[in-house]
């Protein structure tokens, strides 16, 4: 089977480094683990006591993942990082200490569920700041909060925003200042002190480093920087974080010299994706390798290899075809043979899909 190699110690060091970074800036943070889809081996391997002792909470966007978090560590503080579906209010209250919300009827359902379970559920209310994803309209903030503050089993602990995830609206100082001012407005209007102003995700890290985040922004939800060592704002390494944290290896199951152009009548019944080809190359040939990974496991655009002689040919549900050219190195030696592995570097979404696939082996490596 193809395999995903996970450098667990590097990831653990990233978590500790970010905890120190946030502490130095008087900021609390939630570790977002959704890339691992609730994998219990990961949770046991990565989230050791020494690693998460300075993390405010561990978050995910799937209830099954939060359930697995609680199964592995019943004491862990959890946060559901997207607005819940109203129908799952009971499960949200059971498995999440905190949830992000933007709809009154859902919060009322959470309140009813919390009352039924004899609990108080904490929420952070999301404000729409231009990304056009989740969030209460800025024109409706005061009336929204007034209704939520009256709910008996809901504790509003903060205000938050999400920027950079869908349209890519940048989390500028002005955007974050708007969030800070809304917090002050709410506090003054209702005489309520909101503990957290949750300013965003990994994309905001450079602003913290450059000291251009309003001081009221005191909570962040971080995933990508932990697992890949980069801030998505410029896709550059952030501080001293490890970036070589994942490797993907696919096995060559066939390697033969074949034509560049398919032979026969081409129809629309194919289920695969292929690269373009020139009809004028009908007589040309090159070496093509078939790998044991397909569309069910990963998108071809989410993995890349350092070998410049390799190019994409096509992918089906369970096989990937690549072109290895002459299959010889600069010295004229054969480069690849059946049974060899091709190494790829997966993206964030690549890792998420590979971890979700039951057809991919997961190998944890403790080397730094």
Protein backbone atom coordinates (compact mmCIF):
# COMPACT_ATOMS: atom_id res chain seq x y z
CA UNK A 1 0.00 0.00 0.00
CA UNK A 2 0.97 3.61 -0.48
CA UNK A 3 1.92 5.27 2.79
CA UNK A 4 1.87 8.64 4.50
CA UNK A 5 4.85 9.29 6.75
CA UNK A 6 4.14 11.57 9.71
CA UNK A 7 7.06 13.14 11.57
CA UNK A 8 5.34 13.29 14.94
CA UNK A 9 8.20 14.80 16.96
CA UNK A 10 8.50 17.71 14.54
CA UNK A 11 4.78 18.41 14.90
CA UNK A 12 5.01 18.20 18.69
CA UNK A 13 7.88 20.67 18.66
CA UNK A 14 5.79 23.02 16.50
CA UNK A 15 2.99 22.94 19.07
CA UNK A 16 5.40 23.75 21.90
CA UNK A 17 7.03 26.53 19.89
CA UNK A 18 3.67 28.13 19.11
CA UNK A 19 2.62 27.87 22.75
CA UNK A 20 5.73 29.82 23.72
CA UNK A 21 5.12 32.35 20.95
CA UNK A 22 1.52 32.97 22.02
CA UNK A 23 2.45 33.17 25.71
CA UNK A 24 5.05 35.82 24.92
CA UNK A 25 2.30 37.82 23.20
CA UNK A 26 -0.33 37.31 25.96
CA UNK A 27 -2.55 35.32 23.62
CA UNK A 28 -4.41 32.05 24.19
CA UNK A 29 -4.88 29.58 21.37
CA UNK A 30 -6.85 26.56 20.26
CA UNK A 31 -5.09 23.76 18.44
CA UNK A 32 -7.17 22.79 15.38
CA UNK A 33 -6.69 19.11 14.48
CA UNK A 34 -9.24 18.71 11.67
CA UNK A 35 -6.51 17.71 9.17
CA UNK A 36 -6.23 14.42 11.08
CA UNK A 37 -9.96 13.61 10.90
CA UNK A 38 -10.08 12.32 14.46
CA UNK A 39 -7.47 9.60 13.90
CA UNK A 40 -7.00 8.05 17.35
CA UNK A 41 -3.40 7.02 16.73
CA UNK A 42 -2.55 10.61 15.93
CA UNK A 43 -4.39 11.91 18.98
CA UNK A 44 -2.53 9.51 21.27
CA UNK A 45 0.82 10.10 19.59
CA UNK A 46 0.77 13.89 19.26
CA UNK A 47 -1.44 15.23 22.03
CA UNK A 48 0.63 14.14 25.00
CA UNK A 49 0.30 16.01 28.28
CA UNK A 50 3.57 17.91 27.93
CA UNK A 51 2.57 19.07 24.44
CA UNK A 52 -0.90 20.45 25.15
CA UNK A 53 -0.43 21.76 28.68
CA UNK A 54 -0.26 25.35 27.39
CA UNK A 55 -3.01 24.97 24.78
CA UNK A 56 -6.37 26.52 25.68
CA UNK A 57 -8.40 23.88 23.84
CA UNK A 58 -8.27 21.38 20.99
CA UNK A 59 -10.70 21.94 18.14
CA UNK A 60 -12.26 20.17 15.20
CA UNK A 61 -15.10 20.70 12.74
CA UNK A 62 -16.48 17.16 12.97
CA UNK A 63 -18.34 15.64 15.89
CA UNK A 64 -16.85 12.20 15.34
CA UNK A 65 -13.40 13.73 15.74
CA UNK A 66 -14.38 15.45 18.99
CA UNK A 67 -15.84 12.19 20.23
CA UNK A 68 -12.52 10.49 19.53
CA UNK A 69 -10.71 13.30 21.31
CA UNK A 70 -12.79 12.72 24.40
CA UNK A 71 -12.30 8.94 24.15
CA UNK A 72 -8.52 9.37 24.10
CA UNK A 73 -8.40 12.12 26.74
CA UNK A 74 -11.63 12.73 28.71
CA UNK A 75 -10.07 15.76 30.45
CA UNK A 76 -9.19 17.65 27.29
CA UNK A 77 -10.99 20.96 26.66
CA UNK A 78 -12.64 20.88 23.25
CA UNK A 79 -13.96 23.46 20.81
CA UNK A 80 -16.25 22.91 17.82
CA UNK A 81 -14.85 25.30 15.23
CA UNK A 82 -17.78 25.82 12.88
CA UNK A 83 -21.45 26.67 13.43
CA UNK A 84 -23.16 23.39 14.42
CA UNK A 85 -26.08 21.81 12.65
CA UNK A 86 -29.10 22.41 14.86
CA UNK A 87 -30.10 18.74 14.72
CA UNK A 88 -26.86 17.74 16.47
CA UNK A 89 -27.19 20.10 19.44
CA UNK A 90 -27.14 17.23 21.96
CA UNK A 91 -23.87 15.86 20.57
CA UNK A 92 -22.26 19.30 20.38
CA UNK A 93 -23.00 19.98 24.04
CA UNK A 94 -21.81 16.50 25.01
CA UNK A 95 -18.48 16.55 23.16
CA UNK A 96 -17.58 20.25 22.89
CA UNK A 97 -16.99 22.60 25.80
CA UNK A 98 -17.11 25.54 23.40
CA UNK A 99 -18.65 26.06 19.97
CA UNK A 100 -18.53 28.85 17.39
CA UNK A 101 -21.99 30.11 16.46
CA UNK A 102 -23.81 32.55 14.20
CA UNK A 103 -27.50 31.49 14.20
CA UNK A 104 -29.95 32.23 17.00
CA UNK A 105 -32.14 29.14 16.54
CA UNK A 106 -29.08 26.89 16.79
CA UNK A 107 -27.93 28.59 19.98
CA UNK A 108 -31.43 28.16 21.40
CA UNK A 109 -31.21 24.45 20.56
CA UNK A 110 -27.82 24.27 22.31
CA UNK A 111 -29.36 26.01 25.31
CA UNK A 112 -32.20 23.47 25.47
CA UNK A 113 -29.76 20.61 25.16
CA UNK A 114 -27.44 22.03 27.82
CA UNK A 115 -30.40 22.45 30.18
CA UNK A 116 -31.40 18.84 29.53
CA UNK A 117 -27.85 17.65 30.26
CA UNK A 118 -27.58 19.92 33.32
CA UNK A 119 -24.64 21.79 31.79
CA UNK A 120 -23.64 25.28 30.73
CA UNK A 121 -22.38 25.42 27.16
CA UNK A 122 -19.89 28.12 26.21
CA UNK A 123 -20.04 29.86 22.84
CA UNK A 124 -18.06 32.34 20.78
CA UNK A 125 -20.29 34.34 18.45
CA UNK A 126 -18.82 34.85 15.00
CA UNK A 127 -19.08 38.23 13.26
CA UNK A 128 -19.10 38.60 9.45
CA UNK A 129 -16.21 40.87 8.50
CA UNK A 130 -16.24 40.53 4.72
CA UNK A 131 -15.18 36.92 4.05
CA UNK A 132 -18.87 36.02 3.42
CA UNK A 133 -18.63 32.78 5.30
CA UNK A 134 -20.04 32.27 8.81
CA UNK A 135 -20.90 35.26 10.95
CA UNK A 136 -23.63 37.51 12.30
CA UNK A 137 -24.29 40.62 10.19
CA UNK A 138 -22.59 43.66 11.68
CA UNK A 139 -25.90 45.55 11.51
CA UNK A 140 -27.52 42.92 13.71
CA UNK A 141 -24.89 42.41 16.41
CA UNK A 142 -26.51 44.19 19.35
CA UNK A 143 -29.98 42.66 18.96
CA UNK A 144 -28.41 39.24 18.41
CA UNK A 145 -26.35 39.43 21.59
CA UNK A 146 -29.28 40.75 23.59
CA UNK A 147 -31.30 37.63 22.81
CA UNK A 148 -28.41 35.24 23.47
CA UNK A 149 -27.48 36.81 26.82
CA UNK A 150 -30.94 35.87 28.12
CA UNK A 151 -30.44 32.13 27.60
CA UNK A 152 -30.08 30.29 30.90
CA UNK A 153 -27.59 27.55 29.96
CA UNK A 154 -25.44 29.42 27.45
CA UNK A 155 -22.37 31.40 28.46
CA UNK A 156 -21.09 33.80 25.83
CA UNK A 157 -17.33 33.84 26.33
CA UNK A 158 -16.25 35.71 23.23
CA UNK A 159 -16.60 37.26 19.83
CA UNK A 160 -14.75 36.00 16.77
CA UNK A 161 -14.20 36.21 13.04
CA UNK A 162 -13.00 34.04 10.20
CA UNK A 163 -10.89 35.61 7.46
CA UNK A 164 -8.83 34.23 4.60
CA UNK A 165 -10.50 30.82 4.29
CA UNK A 166 -12.94 31.17 1.40
CA UNK A 167 -12.40 34.36 -0.63
CA UNK A 168 -9.01 35.07 0.95
CA UNK A 169 -9.90 38.38 2.61
CA UNK A 170 -6.75 39.33 4.50
CA UNK A 171 -6.89 39.80 8.29
CA UNK A 172 -5.56 43.36 8.30
CA UNK A 173 -5.13 45.57 11.35
CA UNK A 174 -8.29 47.48 10.34
CA UNK A 175 -10.36 44.29 10.11
CA UNK A 176 -9.18 43.08 13.51
CA UNK A 177 -9.72 46.53 15.00
CA UNK A 178 -13.35 46.34 13.86
CA UNK A 179 -13.68 43.10 15.83
CA UNK A 180 -12.14 44.76 18.90
CA UNK A 181 -14.52 47.70 18.67
CA UNK A 182 -17.56 45.42 18.43
CA UNK A 183 -16.41 43.70 21.59
CA UNK A 184 -16.17 47.07 23.37
CA UNK A 185 -19.59 48.08 22.06
CA UNK A 186 -21.19 44.88 23.36
CA UNK A 187 -19.46 45.18 26.73
CA UNK A 188 -20.63 48.78 27.16
CA UNK A 189 -24.20 48.13 26.00
CA UNK A 190 -24.88 45.05 28.15
CA UNK A 191 -22.33 45.44 30.96
CA UNK A 192 -20.87 42.07 29.98
CA UNK A 193 -17.16 41.31 29.80
CA UNK A 194 -16.36 38.94 26.93
CA UNK A 195 -13.26 36.96 27.81
CA UNK A 196 -12.06 36.20 24.28
CA UNK A 197 -11.73 38.07 21.04
CA UNK A 198 -10.86 35.26 18.63
CA UNK A 199 -9.00 36.89 15.77
CA UNK A 200 -8.55 34.09 13.31
CA UNK A 201 -6.28 31.34 12.09
CA UNK A 202 -2.72 30.63 10.92
CA UNK A 203 -3.02 33.35 8.28
CA UNK A 204 -2.85 35.98 11.03
CA UNK A 205 0.44 34.87 12.61
CA UNK A 206 2.68 37.37 10.75
CA UNK A 207 0.57 40.23 12.09
CA UNK A 208 1.22 39.06 15.65
CA UNK A 209 4.93 38.74 14.96
CA UNK A 210 5.04 42.25 13.53
CA UNK A 211 3.10 43.67 16.51
CA UNK A 212 0.24 44.99 14.39
CA UNK A 213 -2.60 43.11 16.06
CA UNK A 214 -4.88 45.13 18.38
CA UNK A 215 -4.19 44.23 22.01
CA UNK A 216 -7.80 43.14 22.54
CA UNK A 217 -7.32 40.21 20.12
CA UNK A 218 -6.39 37.49 22.60
CA UNK A 219 -7.38 34.15 21.07
CA UNK A 220 -6.46 32.33 17.86
CA UNK A 221 -7.43 29.03 16.24
CA UNK A 222 -4.35 27.46 14.65
CA UNK A 223 -4.03 24.35 12.50
CA UNK A 224 -1.97 24.73 9.33
CA UNK A 225 1.02 26.42 11.00
CA UNK A 226 1.21 23.58 13.52
CA UNK A 227 1.28 20.79 10.97
CA UNK A 228 3.12 22.47 8.09
CA UNK A 229 5.15 25.21 9.76
CA UNK A 230 3.87 27.96 7.47
CA UNK A 231 1.48 30.88 7.51
CA UNK A 232 -0.94 30.68 4.54
CA UNK A 233 -0.82 34.46 4.09
CA UNK A 234 2.43 34.16 2.10
CA UNK A 235 2.89 30.39 2.35
CA UNK A 236 6.29 30.95 3.91
CA UNK A 237 7.86 29.19 6.92
CA UNK A 238 6.87 30.86 10.17
CA UNK A 239 9.70 31.52 12.64
CA UNK A 240 11.54 28.30 13.54
CA UNK A 241 8.71 25.84 12.89
CA UNK A 242 9.37 22.53 11.15
CA UNK A 243 8.04 22.41 7.59
CA UNK A 244 9.15 18.87 6.60
CA UNK A 245 6.43 17.14 8.59
CA UNK A 246 4.78 14.83 6.03
CA UNK A 247 5.97 12.64 3.16
CA UNK A 248 3.87 10.50 0.87
CA UNK A 249 5.18 7.41 -0.89
CA UNK A 250 3.37 5.55 -3.69
CA UNK A 251 4.54 2.22 -5.10
CA UNK A 252 5.30 1.59 -8.77
CA UNK A 253 3.11 -1.35 -9.78
CA UNK A 254 3.86 -1.18 -13.52
CA UNK A 255 6.58 0.52 -15.55
CA UNK A 256 6.63 0.21 -19.37
CA UNK A 257 7.46 2.16 -22.49
CA UNK A 258 4.21 3.36 -24.06
CA UNK A 259 2.90 5.84 -26.60
CA UNK A 260 2.16 9.42 -25.64
CA UNK A 261 -1.17 9.47 -27.50
CA UNK A 262 -4.02 7.00 -26.76
CA UNK A 263 -5.10 4.71 -29.59
CA UNK A 264 -8.83 4.40 -30.39
CA UNK A 265 -12.09 6.32 -30.26
CA UNK A 266 -12.20 8.61 -27.19
CA UNK A 267 -15.63 9.02 -25.56
CA UNK A 268 -16.95 10.66 -22.40
CA UNK A 269 -17.40 7.44 -20.42
CA UNK A 270 -14.02 7.61 -18.71
CA UNK A 271 -14.02 8.37 -14.99
CA UNK A 272 -10.41 9.49 -14.78
CA UNK A 273 -8.58 12.77 -15.28
CA UNK A 274 -5.81 13.05 -17.86
CA UNK A 275 -3.30 15.59 -19.09
CA UNK A 276 -3.58 17.14 -22.54
CA UNK A 277 -1.68 15.59 -25.44
CA UNK A 278 -0.79 16.59 -28.99
CA UNK A 279 -2.07 14.46 -31.86
CA UNK A 280 1.20 15.18 -33.66
CA UNK A 281 3.01 13.06 -31.04
CA UNK A 282 1.20 9.90 -32.14
CA UNK A 283 4.47 8.06 -32.82
CA UNK A 284 6.31 9.32 -29.73
CA UNK A 285 6.93 7.04 -26.74
CA UNK A 286 8.16 7.36 -23.17
CA UNK A 287 8.26 5.36 -19.96
CA UNK A 288 5.08 5.43 -17.92
CA UNK A 289 4.75 4.25 -14.34
CA UNK A 290 1.50 3.26 -12.64
CA UNK A 291 1.29 4.01 -8.90
CA UNK A 292 -0.98 2.45 -6.27
CA UNK A 293 -2.91 5.60 -5.37
CA UNK A 294 -6.00 7.16 -6.95
CA UNK A 295 -8.70 9.82 -6.79
CA UNK A 296 -10.35 8.06 -3.86
CA UNK A 297 -7.22 8.77 -1.83
CA UNK A 298 -5.97 12.19 -2.93
CA UNK A 299 -6.33 14.93 -5.53
CA UNK A 300 -3.38 14.88 -7.95
CA UNK A 301 -2.97 18.63 -7.45
CA UNK A 302 -2.34 18.13 -3.73
CA UNK A 303 0.88 16.12 -4.11
CA UNK A 304 4.11 17.11 -5.83
CA UNK A 305 7.50 15.46 -6.37
CA UNK A 306 11.00 16.93 -6.51
CA UNK A 307 11.88 14.84 -9.58
CA UNK A 308 11.63 17.30 -12.48
CA UNK A 309 11.61 14.42 -15.00
CA UNK A 310 8.25 13.21 -13.71
CA UNK A 311 5.02 14.57 -15.23
CA UNK A 312 1.38 13.74 -14.71
CA UNK A 313 -0.40 11.54 -17.28
CA UNK A 314 -3.69 10.49 -15.73
CA UNK A 315 -5.51 9.32 -12.63
CA UNK A 316 -8.44 6.98 -12.00
CA UNK A 317 -10.19 5.91 -8.82
CA UNK A 318 -7.34 3.72 -7.61
CA UNK A 319 -4.31 4.32 -9.88
CA UNK A 320 -2.10 7.25 -10.83
CA UNK A 321 -0.08 7.24 -14.08
CA UNK A 322 3.07 9.33 -14.38
CA UNK A 323 5.56 9.85 -17.20
CA UNK A 324 9.22 9.29 -16.20
CA UNK A 325 10.62 10.21 -19.63
CA UNK A 326 13.62 8.06 -20.61
CA UNK A 327 13.74 6.58 -17.10
CA UNK A 328 17.48 7.26 -16.95
CA UNK A 329 19.56 9.59 -14.82
CA UNK A 330 22.33 11.88 -16.07
CA UNK A 331 24.81 8.99 -16.00
CA UNK A 332 22.56 6.82 -18.14
CA UNK A 333 21.53 4.51 -15.29
CA UNK A 334 17.97 3.24 -14.87
CA UNK A 335 16.15 5.45 -12.39
CA UNK A 336 13.03 3.48 -11.50
CA UNK A 337 11.79 -0.10 -11.56
CA UNK A 338 8.65 -1.94 -10.46
CA UNK A 339 8.59 -2.08 -6.67
CA UNK A 340 10.27 1.30 -6.18
CA UNK A 341 8.52 4.12 -4.33
CA UNK A 342 7.93 7.63 -5.66
CA UNK A 343 8.19 10.31 -2.97
CA UNK A 344 5.71 13.20 -2.90
CA UNK A 345 5.22 16.22 -0.68
CA UNK A 346 1.51 16.56 0.17
CA UNK A 347 -0.30 19.86 0.74
CA UNK A 348 -2.63 20.54 3.67
CA UNK A 349 -5.63 19.17 1.76
CA UNK A 350 -3.48 16.31 0.49
CA UNK A 351 -2.70 15.22 4.04
CA UNK A 352 -6.34 15.59 5.06
CA UNK A 353 -7.51 13.32 2.23
CA UNK A 354 -4.70 10.77 2.65
CA UNK A 355 -5.43 10.48 6.36
CA UNK A 356 -9.12 9.95 5.63
CA UNK A 357 -8.40 7.15 3.17
CA UNK A 358 -8.52 3.64 4.60
CA UNK A 359 -6.37 2.48 1.69
CA UNK A 360 -3.29 4.46 2.79
CA UNK A 361 -0.88 3.25 5.49
CA UNK A 362 0.04 5.80 8.15
CA UNK A 363 3.57 5.60 9.50
CA UNK A 364 4.66 7.68 12.51
CA UNK A 365 8.34 8.63 12.71
CA UNK A 366 9.89 10.06 15.87
CA UNK A 367 13.09 11.33 14.23
CA UNK A 368 13.67 15.07 14.22
